Amino acid sequence: MNTFDFKPLYRTSVGFDRLANLLAAATRLEQGNSYPPYNIRSEAENRYQITMAVAGFSDEDLSITYEQNTLTVTGEREQEDAETSEYLYRGIANRSFKRVFNLADHVQVTGAKLENGLLNIFLERELPEAMKPRKIEISSSQGRLLDADKAEKAA
């Protein structure tokens, strides 16, 4: 595993606090727990899907919350009663988890579906109209002169 120190980049950067926080959070998360496994897939230009392997969890055991560009998925299961049976080998994970995803600005959670032990979370980036690219019309100086001439003649 590679560890990167981003602090030298911060010395000459102004106004990139959010980026610095995201980089720091990403380095912390990579060193942490890897359960449950997940995939992040881009389905279209502005649509994404997170798929998490949560075999053994029902929809009542799972919780998805979204707050301030942070998506949190938690799973809590009751431990099976070990007194009723004796395990010779116990390889199926039966533990609670909490997985946190940092989302970019204007990314919204549009839905979630649990199917065959896979939790699919659907995301979409919805840019506000003010942030969408728009075409600016260019007027020629000749058009302005004609409009000025018409105004003078009318007066």
C-alpha atoms as a PDB file:
ATOM      1  CA  MET A   1       0.000   0.000   0.000  1.00  0.00           C
ATOM      2  CA  ASN A   2       1.321   3.426  -0.918  1.00  0.00           C
ATOM      3  CA  THR A   3       0.960   6.304   1.497  1.00  0.00           C
ATOM      4  CA  PHE A   4       1.045   9.844   0.172  1.00  0.00           C
ATOM      5  CA  ASP A   5       1.668  13.031   2.108  1.00  0.00           C
ATOM      6  CA  PHE A   6      -0.312  15.862   0.509  1.00  0.00           C
ATOM      7  CA  LYS A   7       0.778  18.583   2.962  1.00  0.00           C
ATOM      8  CA  PRO A   8       3.382  20.125   0.592  1.00  0.00           C
ATOM      9  CA  LEU A   9       0.563  20.776  -1.897  1.00  0.00           C
ATOM     10  CA  TYR A  10      -1.430  22.750   0.683  1.00  0.00           C
ATOM     11  CA  ARG A  11       1.291  25.353   1.220  1.00  0.00           C
ATOM     12  CA  THR A  12       0.673  27.091  -2.109  1.00  0.00           C
ATOM     13  CA  SER A  13      -3.061  26.422  -2.445  1.00  0.00           C
ATOM     14  CA  VAL A  14      -5.713  28.897  -1.426  1.00  0.00           C
ATOM     15  CA  GLY A  15      -9.404  28.062  -1.419  1.00  0.00           C
ATOM     16  CA  PHE A  16      -8.977  24.314  -1.932  1.00  0.00           C
ATOM     17  CA  ASP A  17      -9.918  23.332   1.619  1.00  0.00           C
ATOM     18  CA  ARG A  18     -12.630  20.939   0.444  1.00  0.00           C
ATOM     19  CA  LEU A  19     -10.213  19.144  -1.874  1.00  0.00           C
ATOM     20  CA  ALA A  20      -7.660  18.861   0.923  1.00  0.00           C
ATOM     21  CA  ASN A  21     -10.285  17.381   3.234  1.00  0.00           C
ATOM     22  CA  LEU A  22     -11.359  14.861   0.584  1.00  0.00           C
ATOM     23  CA  LEU A  23      -7.774  13.738   0.001  1.00  0.00           C
ATOM     24  CA  ALA A  24      -7.161  13.368   3.717  1.00  0.00           C
ATOM     25  CA  ALA A  25     -10.393  11.408   4.151  1.00  0.00           C
ATOM     26  CA  ALA A  26      -9.526   9.125   1.230  1.00  0.00           C
ATOM     27  CA  THR A  27      -6.173   8.215   2.725  1.00  0.00           C
ATOM     28  CA  ARG A  28      -7.815   7.464   6.082  1.00  0.00           C
ATOM     29  CA  LEU A  29     -10.506   5.291   4.510  1.00  0.00           C
ATOM     30  CA  GLU A  30      -8.086   3.181   2.483  1.00  0.00           C
ATOM     31  CA  GLN A  31      -6.233   2.150   5.609  1.00  0.00           C
ATOM     32  CA  GLY A  32      -9.440   1.162   7.363  1.00  0.00           C
ATOM     33  CA  ASN A  33     -11.749  -1.801   7.249  1.00  0.00           C
ATOM     34  CA  SER A  34     -12.606  -3.330   3.874  1.00  0.00           C
ATOM     35  CA  TYR A  35     -15.867  -4.993   4.928  1.00  0.00           C
ATOM     36  CA  PRO A  36     -18.237  -5.179   3.150  1.00  0.00           C
ATOM     37  CA  PRO A  37     -16.713  -5.200  -0.331  1.00  0.00           C
ATOM     38  CA  TYR A  38     -18.166  -2.733  -2.830  1.00  0.00           C
ATOM     39  CA  ASN A  39     -17.951  -1.505  -6.433  1.00  0.00           C
ATOM     40  CA  ILE A  40     -18.532   2.010  -7.752  1.00  0.00           C
ATOM     41  CA  ARG A  41     -19.633   2.131 -11.368  1.00  0.00           C
ATOM     42  CA  SER A  42     -20.281   5.024 -13.746  1.00  0.00           C
ATOM     43  CA  GLU A  43     -23.383   4.175 -15.771  1.00  0.00           C
ATOM     44  CA  ALA A  44     -23.621   7.384 -17.784  1.00  0.00           C
ATOM     45  CA  GLU A  45     -22.072  10.837 -17.754  1.00  0.00           C
ATOM     46  CA  ASN A  46     -23.945  11.901 -14.613  1.00  0.00           C
ATOM     47  CA  ARG A  47     -25.229   8.581 -13.206  1.00  0.00           C
ATOM     48  CA  TYR A  48     -23.394   6.288 -10.802  1.00  0.00           C
ATOM     49  CA  GLN A  49     -24.100   3.073  -8.931  1.00  0.00           C
ATOM     50  CA  ILE A  50     -22.568   1.732  -5.733  1.00  0.00           C
ATOM     51  CA  THR A  51     -22.948  -2.024  -5.276  1.00  0.00           C
ATOM     52  CA  MET A  52     -22.197  -3.537  -1.874  1.00  0.00           C
ATOM     53  CA  ALA A  53     -22.020  -7.255  -1.035  1.00  0.00           C
ATOM     54  CA  VAL A  54     -24.225  -7.554   2.053  1.00  0.00           C
ATOM     55  CA  ALA A  55     -25.182 -11.241   2.001  1.00  0.00           C
ATOM     56  CA  GLY A  56     -27.212 -12.238   5.033  1.00  0.00           C
ATOM     57  CA  PHE A  57     -28.529  -8.729   5.719  1.00  0.00           C
ATOM     58  CA  SER A  58     -32.201  -7.933   5.165  1.00  0.00           C
ATOM     59  CA  ASP A  59     -33.512  -4.507   4.252  1.00  0.00           C
ATOM     60  CA  GLU A  60     -34.536  -4.041   7.911  1.00  0.00           C
ATOM     61  CA  ASP A  61     -30.897  -4.599   8.963  1.00  0.00           C
ATOM     62  CA  LEU A  62     -29.555  -1.904   6.613  1.00  0.00           C
ATOM     63  CA  SER A  63     -29.697   1.877   6.906  1.00  0.00           C
ATOM     64  CA  ILE A  64     -28.697   4.467   4.287  1.00  0.00           C
ATOM     65  CA  THR A  65     -28.335   8.132   5.248  1.00  0.00           C
ATOM     66  CA  TYR A  66     -27.240  11.116   3.169  1.00  0.00           C
ATOM     67  CA  GLU A  67     -26.088  14.349   4.787  1.00  0.00           C
ATOM     68  CA  GLN A  68     -23.858  17.162   3.469  1.00  0.00           C
ATOM     69  CA  ASN A  69     -22.193  15.226   0.622  1.00  0.00           C
ATOM     70  CA  THR A  70     -21.660  12.175   2.834  1.00  0.00           C
ATOM     71  CA  LEU A  71     -23.429   8.878   2.174  1.00  0.00           C
ATOM     72  CA  THR A  72     -23.375   6.459   5.112  1.00  0.00           C
ATOM     73  CA  VAL A  73     -24.437   2.821   4.853  1.00  0.00           C
ATOM     74  CA  THR A  74     -24.761   0.866   8.089  1.00  0.00           C
ATOM     75  CA  GLY A  75     -25.697  -2.729   8.697  1.00  0.00           C
ATOM     76  CA  GLU A  76     -26.585  -4.221  12.072  1.00  0.00           C
ATOM     77  CA  ARG A  77     -27.540  -7.846  12.579  1.00  0.00           C
ATOM     78  CA  GLU A  78     -28.482  -9.766  15.657  1.00  0.00           C
ATOM     79  CA  GLN A  79     -25.844 -12.351  16.557  1.00  0.00           C
ATOM     80  CA  GLU A  80     -27.134 -15.884  16.163  1.00  0.00           C
ATOM     81  CA  ASP A  81     -27.460 -17.789  19.388  1.00  0.00           C
ATOM     82  CA  ALA A  82     -24.301 -19.897  19.687  1.00  0.00           C
ATOM     83  CA  GLU A  83     -25.781 -21.950  22.530  1.00  0.00           C
ATOM     84  CA  THR A  84     -28.154 -23.897  20.283  1.00  0.00           C
ATOM     85  CA  SER A  85     -25.430 -25.276  18.009  1.00  0.00           C
ATOM     86  CA  GLU A  86     -21.703 -25.779  17.896  1.00  0.00           C
ATOM     87  CA  TYR A  87     -19.773 -24.415  14.919  1.00  0.00           C
ATOM     88  CA  LEU A  88     -16.879 -26.480  13.585  1.00  0.00           C
ATOM     89  CA  TYR A  89     -15.905 -23.591  11.313  1.00  0.00           C
ATOM     90  CA  ARG A  90     -17.423 -20.142  11.118  1.00  0.00           C
ATOM     91  CA  GLY A  91     -16.409 -18.350   7.901  1.00  0.00           C
ATOM     92  CA  ILE A  92     -19.505 -16.309   7.109  1.00  0.00           C
ATOM     93  CA  ALA A  93     -19.155 -12.777   8.381  1.00  0.00           C
ATOM     94  CA  ASN A  94     -21.853 -11.979  10.886  1.00  0.00           C
ATOM     95  CA  ARG A  95     -20.867  -8.525  11.995  1.00  0.00           C
ATOM     96  CA  SER A  96     -22.126  -4.992  11.875  1.00  0.00           C
ATOM     97  CA  PHE A  97     -20.538  -2.431   9.583  1.00  0.00           C
ATOM     98  CA  LYS A  98     -20.496   1.246   8.727  1.00  0.00           C
ATOM     99  CA  ARG A  99     -19.266   2.405   5.318  1.00  0.00           C
ATOM    100  CA  VAL A 100     -18.941   6.134   4.502  1.00  0.00           C
ATOM    101  CA  PHE A 101     -18.710   7.553   0.965  1.00  0.00           C
ATOM    102  CA  ASN A 102     -17.803  11.170   0.191  1.00  0.00           C
ATOM    103  CA  LEU A 103     -19.914  12.461  -2.690  1.00  0.00           C
ATOM    104  CA  ALA A 104     -19.146  15.370  -4.985  1.00  0.00           C
ATOM    105  CA  ASP A 105     -21.276  18.496  -4.959  1.00  0.00           C
ATOM    106  CA  HIS A 106     -24.729  18.159  -6.543  1.00  0.00           C
ATOM    107  CA  VAL A 107     -24.705  14.324  -6.429  1.00  0.00           C
ATOM    108  CA  GLN A 108     -28.035  13.055  -5.107  1.00  0.00           C
ATOM    109  CA  VAL A 109     -29.126   9.576  -4.034  1.00  0.00           C
ATOM    110  CA  THR A 110     -32.007   8.582  -6.315  1.00  0.00           C
ATOM    111  CA  GLY A 111     -32.749   5.121  -4.937  1.00  0.00           C
ATOM    112  CA  ALA A 112     -31.562   1.857  -3.436  1.00  0.00           C
ATOM    113  CA  LYS A 113     -32.400  -1.790  -4.027  1.00  0.00           C
ATOM    114  CA  LEU A 114     -31.434  -4.983  -2.172  1.00  0.00           C
ATOM    115  CA  GLU A 115     -31.413  -8.033  -4.414  1.00  0.00           C
ATOM    116  CA  ASN A 116     -29.648 -11.404  -4.077  1.00  0.00           C
ATOM    117  CA  GLY A 117     -27.369 -10.172  -1.288  1.00  0.00           C
ATOM    118  CA  LEU A 118     -26.269  -7.080  -3.231  1.00  0.00           C
ATOM    119  CA  LEU A 119     -27.245  -3.577  -2.155  1.00  0.00           C
ATOM    120  CA  ASN A 120     -27.398  -1.232  -5.152  1.00  0.00           C
ATOM    121  CA  ILE A 121     -27.414   2.507  -4.457  1.00  0.00           C
ATOM    122  CA  PHE A 122     -28.202   4.766  -7.406  1.00  0.00           C
ATOM    123  CA  LEU A 123     -26.708   8.256  -7.618  1.00  0.00           C
ATOM    124  CA  GLU A 124     -27.156  11.101 -10.070  1.00  0.00           C
ATOM    125  CA  ARG A 125     -25.379  14.415 -10.496  1.00  0.00           C
ATOM    126  CA  GLU A 126     -27.894  17.200 -11.063  1.00  0.00           C
ATOM    127  CA  LEU A 127     -26.208  20.487 -11.879  1.00  0.00           C
ATOM    128  CA  PRO A 128     -28.245  23.630 -11.160  1.00  0.00           C
ATOM    129  CA  GLU A 129     -29.177  25.682 -14.213  1.00  0.00           C
ATOM    130  CA  ALA A 130     -26.778  28.444 -13.147  1.00  0.00           C
ATOM    131  CA  MET A 131     -23.844  26.009 -13.343  1.00  0.00           C
ATOM    132  CA  LYS A 132     -24.709  24.419 -16.685  1.00  0.00           C
ATOM    133  CA  PRO A 133     -22.752  25.633 -19.695  1.00  0.00           C
ATOM    134  CA  ARG A 134     -24.636  28.119 -21.827  1.00  0.00           C
ATOM    135  CA  LYS A 135     -23.961  29.716 -25.160  1.00  0.00           C
ATOM    136  CA  ILE A 136     -23.330  33.453 -25.246  1.00  0.00           C
ATOM    137  CA  GLU A 137     -24.493  35.239 -28.371  1.00  0.00           C
ATOM    138  CA  ILE A 138     -21.929  37.511 -29.986  1.00  0.00           C
ATOM    139  CA  SER A 139     -23.278  40.659 -31.555  1.00  0.00           C
ATOM    140  CA  SER A 140     -21.370  42.470 -34.253  1.00  0.00           C
ATOM    141  CA  SER A 141     -20.513  46.149 -34.104  1.00  0.00           C
ATOM    142  CA  GLN A 142     -22.428  46.665 -37.374  1.00  0.00           C
ATOM    143  CA  GLY A 143     -25.646  45.540 -35.749  1.00  0.00           C
ATOM    144  CA  ARG A 144     -25.176  48.072 -32.983  1.00  0.00           C
ATOM    145  CA  LEU A 145     -24.608  50.920 -35.451  1.00  0.00           C
ATOM    146  CA  LEU A 146     -27.761  50.046 -37.346  1.00  0.00           C
ATOM    147  CA  ASP A 147     -29.748  50.001 -34.116  1.00  0.00           C
ATOM    148  CA  ALA A 148     -28.249  53.393 -33.153  1.00  0.00           C
ATOM    149  CA  ASP A 149     -29.081  54.829 -36.600  1.00  0.00           C
ATOM    150  CA  LYS A 150     -32.694  53.634 -36.281  1.00  0.00           C
ATOM    151  CA  ALA A 151     -32.954  55.258 -32.860  1.00  0.00           C
ATOM    152  CA  GLU A 152     -31.603  58.582 -34.205  1.00  0.00           C
ATOM    153  CA  LYS A 153     -34.022  58.578 -37.158  1.00  0.00           C
ATOM    154  CA  ALA A 154     -36.955  57.822 -34.894  1.00  0.00           C
ATOM    155  CA  ALA A 155     -36.090  60.742 -32.640  1.00  0.00           C
END
